[in-house]
N, C-alpha and C. Protein backbone atom coordinates (compact mmCIF):
# COMPACT_ATOMS: atom_id res chain seq x y z
N MET A 1 0.85 -1.18 0.00
CA MET A 1 0.00 0.00 0.00
C MET A 1 0.90 1.25 0.00
N ASP A 2 0.70 2.13 -0.98
CA ASP A 2 1.52 3.34 -1.02
C ASP A 2 0.95 4.38 -0.05
N GLU A 3 1.70 5.48 0.07
CA GLU A 3 1.36 6.53 1.04
C GLU A 3 -0.04 7.12 0.79
N SER A 4 -0.37 7.38 -0.47
CA SER A 4 -1.67 8.00 -0.76
C SER A 4 -2.82 7.05 -0.39
N GLU A 5 -2.61 5.75 -0.55
CA GLU A 5 -3.66 4.79 -0.19
C GLU A 5 -3.88 4.76 1.32
N LYS A 6 -2.82 4.97 2.08
CA LYS A 6 -2.96 5.05 3.55
C LYS A 6 -3.85 6.23 3.93
N TYR A 7 -3.64 7.35 3.24
CA TYR A 7 -4.46 8.53 3.52
C TYR A 7 -5.88 8.35 2.99
N ASP A 8 -6.03 7.67 1.87
CA ASP A 8 -7.37 7.36 1.37
C ASP A 8 -8.17 6.63 2.46
N LYS A 9 -7.54 5.65 3.10
CA LYS A 9 -8.21 4.89 4.16
C LYS A 9 -8.55 5.78 5.34
N ARG A 10 -7.65 6.73 5.68
CA ARG A 10 -7.92 7.65 6.79
C ARG A 10 -9.12 8.53 6.50
N PHE A 11 -9.19 9.05 5.27
CA PHE A 11 -10.28 9.96 4.92
C PHE A 11 -11.60 9.23 4.74
N ASP A 12 -11.56 8.06 4.16
CA ASP A 12 -12.77 7.32 3.83
C ASP A 12 -13.50 6.88 5.10
N GLY A 13 -14.66 7.41 5.31
CA GLY A 13 -15.48 7.02 6.44
C GLY A 13 -15.12 7.68 7.76
N SER A 14 -14.15 8.58 7.79
CA SER A 14 -13.75 9.25 9.02
C SER A 14 -14.80 10.27 9.45
N LYS A 15 -15.11 10.27 10.73
CA LYS A 15 -16.09 11.22 11.25
C LYS A 15 -15.57 12.66 11.19
N ILE A 16 -14.32 12.87 11.60
CA ILE A 16 -13.79 14.24 11.67
C ILE A 16 -13.73 14.89 10.30
N TYR A 17 -13.40 14.13 9.28
CA TYR A 17 -13.27 14.71 7.94
C TYR A 17 -14.60 14.92 7.26
N ASN A 18 -15.67 14.44 7.85
CA ASN A 18 -17.01 14.67 7.32
C ASN A 18 -17.75 15.79 8.06
N LYS A 19 -17.13 16.31 9.11
CA LYS A 19 -17.78 17.38 9.89
C LYS A 19 -17.65 18.73 9.19
N HIS A 20 -18.56 19.62 9.53
CA HIS A 20 -18.47 21.01 9.09
C HIS A 20 -17.20 21.61 9.69
N TYR A 21 -16.55 22.49 8.95
CA TYR A 21 -15.29 23.07 9.42
C TYR A 21 -15.37 23.69 10.81
N SER A 22 -16.50 24.25 11.17
CA SER A 22 -16.62 24.91 12.47
C SER A 22 -16.68 23.92 13.64
N GLU A 23 -16.83 22.64 13.35
CA GLU A 23 -16.92 21.61 14.39
C GLU A 23 -15.61 20.85 14.60
N VAL A 24 -14.57 21.24 13.90
CA VAL A 24 -13.30 20.52 13.94
C VAL A 24 -12.29 21.31 14.78
N PHE A 25 -11.44 20.61 15.53
CA PHE A 25 -10.49 21.28 16.42
C PHE A 25 -9.49 22.17 15.69
N TYR A 26 -9.33 22.03 14.39
CA TYR A 26 -8.46 22.91 13.61
C TYR A 26 -9.13 24.25 13.29
N TYR A 27 -10.38 24.40 13.65
CA TYR A 27 -11.14 25.58 13.25
C TYR A 27 -10.44 26.89 13.61
N ARG A 28 -9.85 26.97 14.81
CA ARG A 28 -9.16 28.22 15.19
C ARG A 28 -8.02 28.54 14.23
N VAL A 29 -7.30 27.50 13.83
CA VAL A 29 -6.20 27.69 12.88
C VAL A 29 -6.76 28.13 11.53
N TRP A 30 -7.78 27.43 11.04
CA TRP A 30 -8.38 27.77 9.75
C TRP A 30 -8.95 29.19 9.76
N ARG A 31 -9.58 29.58 10.87
CA ARG A 31 -10.14 30.92 10.97
C ARG A 31 -9.03 31.98 10.91
N TYR A 32 -7.91 31.70 11.58
CA TYR A 32 -6.75 32.61 11.54
C TYR A 32 -6.28 32.77 10.10
N VAL A 33 -6.13 31.64 9.40
CA VAL A 33 -5.70 31.68 8.00
C VAL A 33 -6.69 32.46 7.16
N ALA A 34 -7.96 32.17 7.29
CA ALA A 34 -9.00 32.86 6.52
C ALA A 34 -8.98 34.36 6.79
N ASN A 35 -8.77 34.75 8.03
CA ASN A 35 -8.73 36.17 8.39
C ASN A 35 -7.52 36.89 7.80
N SER A 36 -6.49 36.15 7.42
CA SER A 36 -5.29 36.77 6.86
C SER A 36 -5.37 36.93 5.34
N LEU A 37 -6.45 36.46 4.75
CA LEU A 37 -6.60 36.50 3.29
C LEU A 37 -7.67 37.51 2.88
N LEU A 38 -7.54 38.00 1.67
CA LEU A 38 -8.54 38.90 1.10
C LEU A 38 -9.40 38.12 0.11
N SER A 39 -10.63 38.53 -0.06
CA SER A 39 -11.51 37.81 -1.00
C SER A 39 -10.97 37.88 -2.42
N SER A 40 -10.14 38.87 -2.72
CA SER A 40 -9.57 39.01 -4.07
C SER A 40 -8.29 38.18 -4.28
N ASP A 41 -7.78 37.55 -3.24
CA ASP A 41 -6.55 36.75 -3.35
C ASP A 41 -6.77 35.51 -4.20
N LYS A 42 -5.72 35.13 -4.92
CA LYS A 42 -5.69 33.84 -5.61
C LYS A 42 -4.98 32.88 -4.66
N ILE A 43 -5.65 31.79 -4.30
CA ILE A 43 -5.16 30.87 -3.28
C ILE A 43 -4.77 29.53 -3.91
N LEU A 44 -3.60 29.03 -3.52
CA LEU A 44 -3.20 27.66 -3.82
C LEU A 44 -3.02 26.97 -2.48
N GLU A 45 -3.91 26.00 -2.20
CA GLU A 45 -3.80 25.26 -0.94
C GLU A 45 -3.09 23.94 -1.20
N LEU A 46 -2.01 23.74 -0.48
CA LEU A 46 -1.18 22.54 -0.59
C LEU A 46 -1.61 21.56 0.49
N GLY A 47 -2.01 20.35 0.08
CA GLY A 47 -2.52 19.38 1.04
C GLY A 47 -3.90 19.80 1.51
N CYS A 48 -4.81 20.00 0.58
CA CYS A 48 -6.13 20.54 0.91
C CYS A 48 -7.03 19.55 1.64
N GLY A 49 -6.64 18.28 1.68
CA GLY A 49 -7.47 17.29 2.36
C GLY A 49 -8.89 17.29 1.82
N PRO A 50 -9.87 17.05 2.68
CA PRO A 50 -11.26 16.93 2.23
C PRO A 50 -11.98 18.25 2.03
N GLY A 51 -11.24 19.37 2.02
CA GLY A 51 -11.84 20.64 1.65
C GLY A 51 -12.52 21.43 2.74
N GLN A 52 -12.23 21.14 3.99
CA GLN A 52 -12.88 21.90 5.06
C GLN A 52 -12.41 23.35 5.10
N LEU A 53 -11.10 23.57 4.98
CA LEU A 53 -10.61 24.95 4.91
C LEU A 53 -11.11 25.62 3.63
N ALA A 54 -11.12 24.91 2.53
CA ALA A 54 -11.65 25.45 1.27
C ALA A 54 -13.10 25.92 1.46
N ASN A 55 -13.88 25.15 2.17
CA ASN A 55 -15.28 25.49 2.45
C ASN A 55 -15.37 26.79 3.23
N LEU A 56 -14.52 26.93 4.25
CA LEU A 56 -14.49 28.17 5.04
C LEU A 56 -14.09 29.35 4.14
N LEU A 57 -13.07 29.16 3.31
CA LEU A 57 -12.63 30.24 2.42
C LEU A 57 -13.74 30.64 1.45
N TYR A 58 -14.45 29.66 0.94
CA TYR A 58 -15.58 29.95 0.06
C TYR A 58 -16.64 30.78 0.81
N ASP A 59 -16.95 30.35 2.02
CA ASP A 59 -17.93 31.07 2.83
C ASP A 59 -17.47 32.49 3.15
N ARG A 60 -16.16 32.72 3.15
CA ARG A 60 -15.60 34.05 3.41
C ARG A 60 -15.43 34.88 2.15
N GLY A 61 -15.87 34.36 1.00
CA GLY A 61 -15.87 35.16 -0.23
C GLY A 61 -14.72 34.91 -1.18
N ILE A 62 -13.81 33.99 -0.86
CA ILE A 62 -12.73 33.64 -1.78
C ILE A 62 -13.36 32.92 -2.97
N ARG A 63 -12.96 33.29 -4.18
CA ARG A 63 -13.50 32.63 -5.37
C ARG A 63 -12.41 32.09 -6.29
N ASN A 64 -11.19 32.56 -6.13
CA ASN A 64 -10.09 32.11 -6.97
C ASN A 64 -9.20 31.18 -6.13
N TYR A 65 -9.48 29.90 -6.22
CA TYR A 65 -8.88 28.90 -5.32
C TYR A 65 -8.56 27.63 -6.10
N ILE A 66 -7.39 27.07 -5.80
CA ILE A 66 -7.02 25.74 -6.29
C ILE A 66 -6.48 24.96 -5.10
N GLY A 67 -6.97 23.76 -4.90
CA GLY A 67 -6.50 22.88 -3.84
C GLY A 67 -5.83 21.65 -4.43
N ILE A 68 -4.75 21.21 -3.81
CA ILE A 68 -4.01 20.03 -4.28
C ILE A 68 -3.88 19.04 -3.13
N ASP A 69 -4.11 17.78 -3.43
CA ASP A 69 -3.88 16.71 -2.47
C ASP A 69 -3.58 15.43 -3.24
N PHE A 70 -2.89 14.50 -2.60
CA PHE A 70 -2.56 13.25 -3.29
C PHE A 70 -3.50 12.12 -2.94
N SER A 71 -4.49 12.37 -2.10
CA SER A 71 -5.50 11.37 -1.76
C SER A 71 -6.72 11.54 -2.65
N LYS A 72 -7.02 10.51 -3.42
CA LYS A 72 -8.20 10.61 -4.30
C LYS A 72 -9.48 10.70 -3.49
N VAL A 73 -9.52 10.09 -2.33
CA VAL A 73 -10.70 10.18 -1.47
C VAL A 73 -10.87 11.62 -0.97
N ALA A 74 -9.76 12.25 -0.52
CA ALA A 74 -9.83 13.63 -0.05
C ALA A 74 -10.29 14.56 -1.17
N ILE A 75 -9.74 14.37 -2.36
CA ILE A 75 -10.14 15.22 -3.49
C ILE A 75 -11.62 15.03 -3.81
N ARG A 76 -12.10 13.82 -3.78
CA ARG A 76 -13.53 13.56 -4.02
C ARG A 76 -14.39 14.29 -2.97
N MET A 77 -13.98 14.22 -1.71
CA MET A 77 -14.72 14.88 -0.64
C MET A 77 -14.69 16.40 -0.81
N ALA A 78 -13.51 16.93 -1.17
CA ALA A 78 -13.36 18.37 -1.35
C ALA A 78 -14.24 18.87 -2.50
N ARG A 79 -14.25 18.14 -3.61
CA ARG A 79 -15.08 18.54 -4.76
C ARG A 79 -16.56 18.52 -4.40
N ALA A 80 -16.97 17.57 -3.59
CA ALA A 80 -18.37 17.51 -3.16
C ALA A 80 -18.69 18.67 -2.21
N ARG A 81 -17.72 19.05 -1.40
CA ARG A 81 -17.93 20.10 -0.40
C ARG A 81 -17.98 21.48 -1.06
N VAL A 82 -17.10 21.75 -2.03
CA VAL A 82 -17.04 23.06 -2.69
C VAL A 82 -16.91 22.83 -4.20
N PRO A 83 -18.01 22.50 -4.86
CA PRO A 83 -17.96 22.15 -6.29
C PRO A 83 -17.48 23.28 -7.21
N LEU A 84 -17.55 24.51 -6.76
CA LEU A 84 -17.11 25.63 -7.61
C LEU A 84 -15.60 25.85 -7.58
N PHE A 85 -14.91 25.21 -6.66
CA PHE A 85 -13.45 25.34 -6.59
C PHE A 85 -12.79 24.26 -7.43
N THR A 86 -11.52 24.48 -7.76
CA THR A 86 -10.72 23.51 -8.50
C THR A 86 -9.88 22.71 -7.53
N PHE A 87 -9.97 21.39 -7.64
CA PHE A 87 -9.17 20.49 -6.81
C PHE A 87 -8.39 19.55 -7.73
N ILE A 88 -7.10 19.44 -7.46
CA ILE A 88 -6.21 18.65 -8.31
C ILE A 88 -5.63 17.50 -7.51
N LEU A 89 -5.71 16.31 -8.08
CA LEU A 89 -5.09 15.12 -7.49
C LEU A 89 -3.64 15.08 -7.96
N ALA A 90 -2.69 15.31 -7.04
CA ALA A 90 -1.28 15.35 -7.41
C ALA A 90 -0.40 15.20 -6.17
N ASP A 91 0.80 14.77 -6.39
CA ASP A 91 1.84 14.67 -5.37
C ASP A 91 2.56 16.02 -5.31
N LEU A 92 2.64 16.64 -4.14
CA LEU A 92 3.26 17.96 -4.00
C LEU A 92 4.72 17.97 -4.44
N ASN A 93 5.36 16.82 -4.44
CA ASN A 93 6.76 16.72 -4.87
C ASN A 93 6.91 16.80 -6.39
N LYS A 94 5.83 16.63 -7.12
CA LYS A 94 5.92 16.48 -8.58
C LYS A 94 5.15 17.56 -9.34
N ILE A 95 5.04 18.73 -8.78
CA ILE A 95 4.25 19.80 -9.40
C ILE A 95 5.18 20.88 -9.95
N ASP A 96 4.79 21.45 -11.09
CA ASP A 96 5.47 22.62 -11.64
C ASP A 96 4.78 23.84 -11.01
N TYR A 97 5.42 24.41 -10.01
CA TYR A 97 4.81 25.51 -9.27
C TYR A 97 4.95 26.85 -9.99
N SER A 98 5.73 26.91 -11.06
CA SER A 98 5.96 28.20 -11.74
C SER A 98 4.66 28.81 -12.25
N LYS A 99 3.66 28.00 -12.56
CA LYS A 99 2.40 28.55 -13.06
C LYS A 99 1.54 29.16 -11.95
N TYR A 100 2.02 29.10 -10.71
CA TYR A 100 1.27 29.66 -9.59
C TYR A 100 1.88 30.94 -9.04
N THR A 101 2.68 31.61 -9.86
CA THR A 101 3.21 32.92 -9.48
C THR A 101 2.03 33.85 -9.24
N GLY A 102 2.08 34.61 -8.17
CA GLY A 102 0.99 35.54 -7.86
C GLY A 102 -0.09 34.96 -6.96
N PHE A 103 -0.02 33.66 -6.70
CA PHE A 103 -0.95 33.03 -5.77
C PHE A 103 -0.42 33.18 -4.35
N LYS A 104 -1.30 33.23 -3.38
CA LYS A 104 -0.90 33.08 -1.98
C LYS A 104 -0.98 31.59 -1.68
N PHE A 105 0.10 31.06 -1.15
CA PHE A 105 0.14 29.64 -0.81
C PHE A 105 -0.37 29.46 0.61
N VAL A 106 -1.19 28.45 0.80
CA VAL A 106 -1.78 28.11 2.10
C VAL A 106 -1.55 26.62 2.31
N SER A 107 -1.17 26.26 3.51
CA SER A 107 -1.00 24.84 3.82
C SER A 107 -1.15 24.65 5.32
N THR A 108 -2.12 23.84 5.70
CA THR A 108 -2.31 23.58 7.13
C THR A 108 -2.09 22.10 7.40
N GLU A 109 -1.19 21.85 8.32
CA GLU A 109 -0.91 20.48 8.75
C GLU A 109 -0.53 19.58 7.58
N THR A 110 0.42 20.03 6.77
CA THR A 110 0.87 19.26 5.62
C THR A 110 2.37 19.03 5.62
N PHE A 111 3.15 20.08 5.88
CA PHE A 111 4.61 19.97 5.73
C PHE A 111 5.22 18.90 6.62
N GLU A 112 4.65 18.65 7.78
CA GLU A 112 5.19 17.63 8.68
C GLU A 112 5.00 16.22 8.12
N HIS A 113 4.16 16.08 7.11
CA HIS A 113 3.93 14.77 6.48
C HIS A 113 4.88 14.51 5.31
N LEU A 114 5.53 15.56 4.82
CA LEU A 114 6.41 15.41 3.67
C LEU A 114 7.80 14.98 4.12
N GLU A 115 8.38 14.06 3.38
CA GLU A 115 9.72 13.59 3.72
C GLU A 115 10.73 14.74 3.64
N ASN A 116 10.63 15.56 2.60
CA ASN A 116 11.55 16.69 2.46
C ASN A 116 10.77 17.94 2.04
N ASP A 117 10.15 18.56 3.02
CA ASP A 117 9.36 19.76 2.74
C ASP A 117 10.23 20.90 2.25
N ILE A 118 11.48 20.97 2.68
CA ILE A 118 12.38 22.03 2.23
C ILE A 118 12.57 21.94 0.71
N ALA A 119 12.79 20.74 0.19
CA ALA A 119 12.96 20.55 -1.26
C ALA A 119 11.71 20.98 -2.02
N VAL A 120 10.54 20.71 -1.46
CA VAL A 120 9.29 21.13 -2.11
C VAL A 120 9.19 22.65 -2.10
N ILE A 121 9.47 23.27 -0.98
CA ILE A 121 9.38 24.74 -0.87
C ILE A 121 10.36 25.41 -1.84
N ARG A 122 11.51 24.82 -2.06
CA ARG A 122 12.49 25.39 -3.00
C ARG A 122 11.92 25.50 -4.42
N LYS A 123 10.90 24.74 -4.75
CA LYS A 123 10.27 24.77 -6.07
C LYS A 123 9.25 25.90 -6.20
N PHE A 124 8.84 26.49 -5.09
CA PHE A 124 7.79 27.51 -5.10
C PHE A 124 8.30 28.83 -5.68
N PRO A 125 7.42 29.58 -6.37
CA PRO A 125 7.78 30.96 -6.75
C PRO A 125 7.84 31.82 -5.49
N LYS A 126 8.36 32.99 -5.62
CA LYS A 126 8.58 33.87 -4.46
C LYS A 126 7.27 34.55 -4.02
N ASN A 127 6.32 33.74 -3.64
CA ASN A 127 5.00 34.20 -3.20
C ASN A 127 4.96 34.33 -1.68
N ASP A 128 3.83 34.84 -1.20
CA ASP A 128 3.54 34.80 0.23
C ASP A 128 3.00 33.42 0.56
N ILE A 129 3.25 32.99 1.80
CA ILE A 129 2.74 31.70 2.25
C ILE A 129 2.30 31.82 3.70
N ILE A 130 1.23 31.14 4.02
CA ILE A 130 0.81 30.98 5.41
C ILE A 130 0.54 29.49 5.59
N PHE A 131 1.15 28.92 6.63
CA PHE A 131 1.00 27.49 6.87
C PHE A 131 1.03 27.20 8.36
N SER A 132 0.60 26.00 8.70
CA SER A 132 0.66 25.59 10.10
C SER A 132 1.38 24.26 10.22
N VAL A 133 2.03 24.10 11.37
CA VAL A 133 2.76 22.88 11.69
C VAL A 133 2.57 22.58 13.17
N PRO A 134 2.60 21.29 13.54
CA PRO A 134 2.29 20.90 14.93
C PRO A 134 3.53 20.82 15.83
N SER A 135 3.28 20.98 17.11
CA SER A 135 4.33 20.80 18.11
C SER A 135 4.38 19.36 18.61
N TYR A 136 3.43 18.55 18.23
CA TYR A 136 3.28 17.22 18.82
C TYR A 136 3.59 16.11 17.81
N ARG A 137 3.87 14.96 18.32
CA ARG A 137 4.16 13.79 17.50
C ARG A 137 2.88 13.06 17.12
N SER A 138 2.94 12.41 15.97
CA SER A 138 1.89 11.53 15.50
C SER A 138 2.55 10.47 14.64
N LYS A 139 1.95 9.32 14.53
CA LYS A 139 2.55 8.28 13.69
C LYS A 139 2.59 8.70 12.23
N TYR A 140 1.83 9.71 11.85
CA TYR A 140 1.81 10.20 10.48
C TYR A 140 2.81 11.33 10.22
N HIS A 141 3.39 11.89 11.28
CA HIS A 141 4.30 13.02 11.15
C HIS A 141 5.74 12.56 10.99
N ARG A 142 6.47 13.22 10.11
CA ARG A 142 7.89 12.93 9.92
C ARG A 142 8.76 13.80 10.83
N ARG A 143 8.19 14.88 11.33
CA ARG A 143 8.91 15.76 12.25
C ARG A 143 7.90 16.54 13.08
N ARG A 144 8.38 17.10 14.17
CA ARG A 144 7.54 18.02 14.94
C ARG A 144 8.31 19.31 15.15
N TYR A 145 7.60 20.34 15.42
CA TYR A 145 8.15 21.68 15.50
C TYR A 145 8.03 22.13 16.95
N LEU A 146 9.16 22.15 17.64
CA LEU A 146 9.17 22.33 19.09
C LEU A 146 8.78 23.74 19.53
N ASP A 147 9.27 24.74 18.80
CA ASP A 147 9.01 26.12 19.20
C ASP A 147 9.32 27.05 18.03
N GLU A 148 9.08 28.33 18.24
CA GLU A 148 9.30 29.32 17.19
C GLU A 148 10.76 29.35 16.74
N GLU A 149 11.68 29.24 17.67
CA GLU A 149 13.11 29.24 17.33
C GLU A 149 13.45 28.09 16.38
N PHE A 150 12.93 26.91 16.66
CA PHE A 150 13.17 25.75 15.79
C PHE A 150 12.61 26.03 14.38
N ILE A 151 11.41 26.55 14.30
CA ILE A 151 10.76 26.83 13.01
C ILE A 151 11.58 27.83 12.20
N ARG A 152 11.99 28.92 12.85
CA ARG A 152 12.78 29.94 12.14
C ARG A 152 14.11 29.37 11.65
N SER A 153 14.75 28.56 12.45
CA SER A 153 16.03 27.96 12.07
C SER A 153 15.84 26.92 10.96
N TYR A 154 14.84 26.09 11.09
CA TYR A 154 14.59 25.01 10.13
C TYR A 154 14.32 25.55 8.73
N TYR A 155 13.54 26.64 8.63
CA TYR A 155 13.13 27.18 7.34
C TYR A 155 13.97 28.38 6.88
N LYS A 156 15.05 28.70 7.57
CA LYS A 156 15.80 29.94 7.31
C LYS A 156 16.32 30.07 5.88
N ASP A 157 16.59 28.98 5.22
CA ASP A 157 17.15 29.04 3.86
C ASP A 157 16.09 29.16 2.76
N VAL A 158 14.82 28.98 3.11
CA VAL A 158 13.77 29.01 2.08
C VAL A 158 12.64 30.02 2.35
N LEU A 159 12.57 30.51 3.59
CA LEU A 159 11.48 31.42 3.94
C LEU A 159 11.99 32.63 4.71
N ASN A 160 11.42 33.78 4.41
CA ASN A 160 11.61 34.96 5.24
C ASN A 160 10.36 35.04 6.12
N ILE A 161 10.48 34.52 7.33
CA ILE A 161 9.33 34.42 8.24
C ILE A 161 9.05 35.77 8.87
N THR A 162 7.80 36.23 8.74
CA THR A 162 7.41 37.52 9.30
C THR A 162 6.64 37.38 10.61
N ASN A 163 6.00 36.22 10.80
CA ASN A 163 5.23 36.04 12.02
C ASN A 163 5.03 34.55 12.31
N VAL A 164 5.11 34.20 13.60
CA VAL A 164 4.78 32.86 14.06
C VAL A 164 3.81 33.02 15.22
N THR A 165 2.66 32.40 15.11
CA THR A 165 1.63 32.46 16.15
C THR A 165 1.37 31.05 16.65
N ARG A 166 1.30 30.91 17.97
CA ARG A 166 1.04 29.60 18.57
C ARG A 166 -0.45 29.50 18.93
N SER A 167 -1.07 28.43 18.47
CA SER A 167 -2.47 28.14 18.81
C SER A 167 -2.49 26.87 19.64
N LYS A 168 -2.96 26.98 20.87
CA LYS A 168 -2.95 25.81 21.76
C LYS A 168 -4.11 24.88 21.48
N LEU A 169 -3.80 23.58 21.53
CA LEU A 169 -4.80 22.52 21.42
C LEU A 169 -4.75 21.75 22.74
N GLY A 170 -5.45 22.23 23.71
CA GLY A 170 -5.38 21.58 25.02
C GLY A 170 -4.17 22.06 25.80
N ARG A 171 -3.75 21.27 26.79
CA ARG A 171 -2.66 21.68 27.68
C ARG A 171 -1.28 21.49 27.11
N VAL A 172 -1.08 20.47 26.29
CA VAL A 172 0.26 20.13 25.83
C VAL A 172 0.48 20.43 24.35
N LYS A 173 -0.48 20.12 23.53
CA LYS A 173 -0.32 20.25 22.08
C LYS A 173 -0.56 21.68 21.61
N SER A 174 0.21 22.05 20.59
CA SER A 174 0.04 23.35 19.94
C SER A 174 0.22 23.19 18.45
N ILE A 175 -0.32 24.16 17.74
CA ILE A 175 -0.08 24.28 16.31
C ILE A 175 0.50 25.68 16.09
N PHE A 176 1.59 25.75 15.32
CA PHE A 176 2.19 27.02 14.99
C PHE A 176 1.70 27.46 13.62
N ILE A 177 1.27 28.71 13.53
CA ILE A 177 0.86 29.30 12.26
C ILE A 177 1.98 30.22 11.83
N VAL A 178 2.50 29.99 10.64
CA VAL A 178 3.67 30.69 10.15
C VAL A 178 3.29 31.52 8.93
N GLU A 179 3.63 32.79 8.97
CA GLU A 179 3.42 33.69 7.84
C GLU A 179 4.80 34.06 7.31
N ALA A 180 4.98 33.95 5.98
CA ALA A 180 6.32 34.16 5.42
C ALA A 180 6.27 34.56 3.96
N LYS A 181 7.41 34.99 3.48
CA LYS A 181 7.65 35.24 2.06
C LYS A 181 8.64 34.16 1.61
N ILE A 182 8.33 33.49 0.53
CA ILE A 182 9.21 32.45 0.01
C ILE A 182 10.42 33.15 -0.65
N ILE A 183 11.63 32.68 -0.33
CA ILE A 183 12.84 33.32 -0.87
C ILE A 183 13.53 32.43 -1.89
């Protein structure tokens, strides 16, 4: 079973991925991201999953949106959730990002799943990006982000980070929201 099939199984039949975006524990992070965008922005969401953030962005007036994920189940769910948006089934490692110049890149809870997220970011045009990464471990994560200092050091060669905000998930877990310019 390849990696995308593992995620297909996670998405297929999952209760959390079928909930409205406002009922999911990531909602605070998604709301922060949505609040940082303008309705006139062109958005490229990397690792869009089943389209819950896309749904929130649509509800907030975003109309120029493309979401990418490598799970066919997630893409099917996203298309059903927001049929007016474009969703592409693709591996983030194998995309020609040059055609997305001028887009704002958005990615929530994706980079920790990539074996080499730095190599993927190096392919991006010099756009703005807002993304989130977790402080906690999961069997699906390849790395965790301990604190703001770690994040700034880890991404120093590919991002000019302008802001890092910590969003707490309970007493121990946190998600960091990172705003940056791709260099």
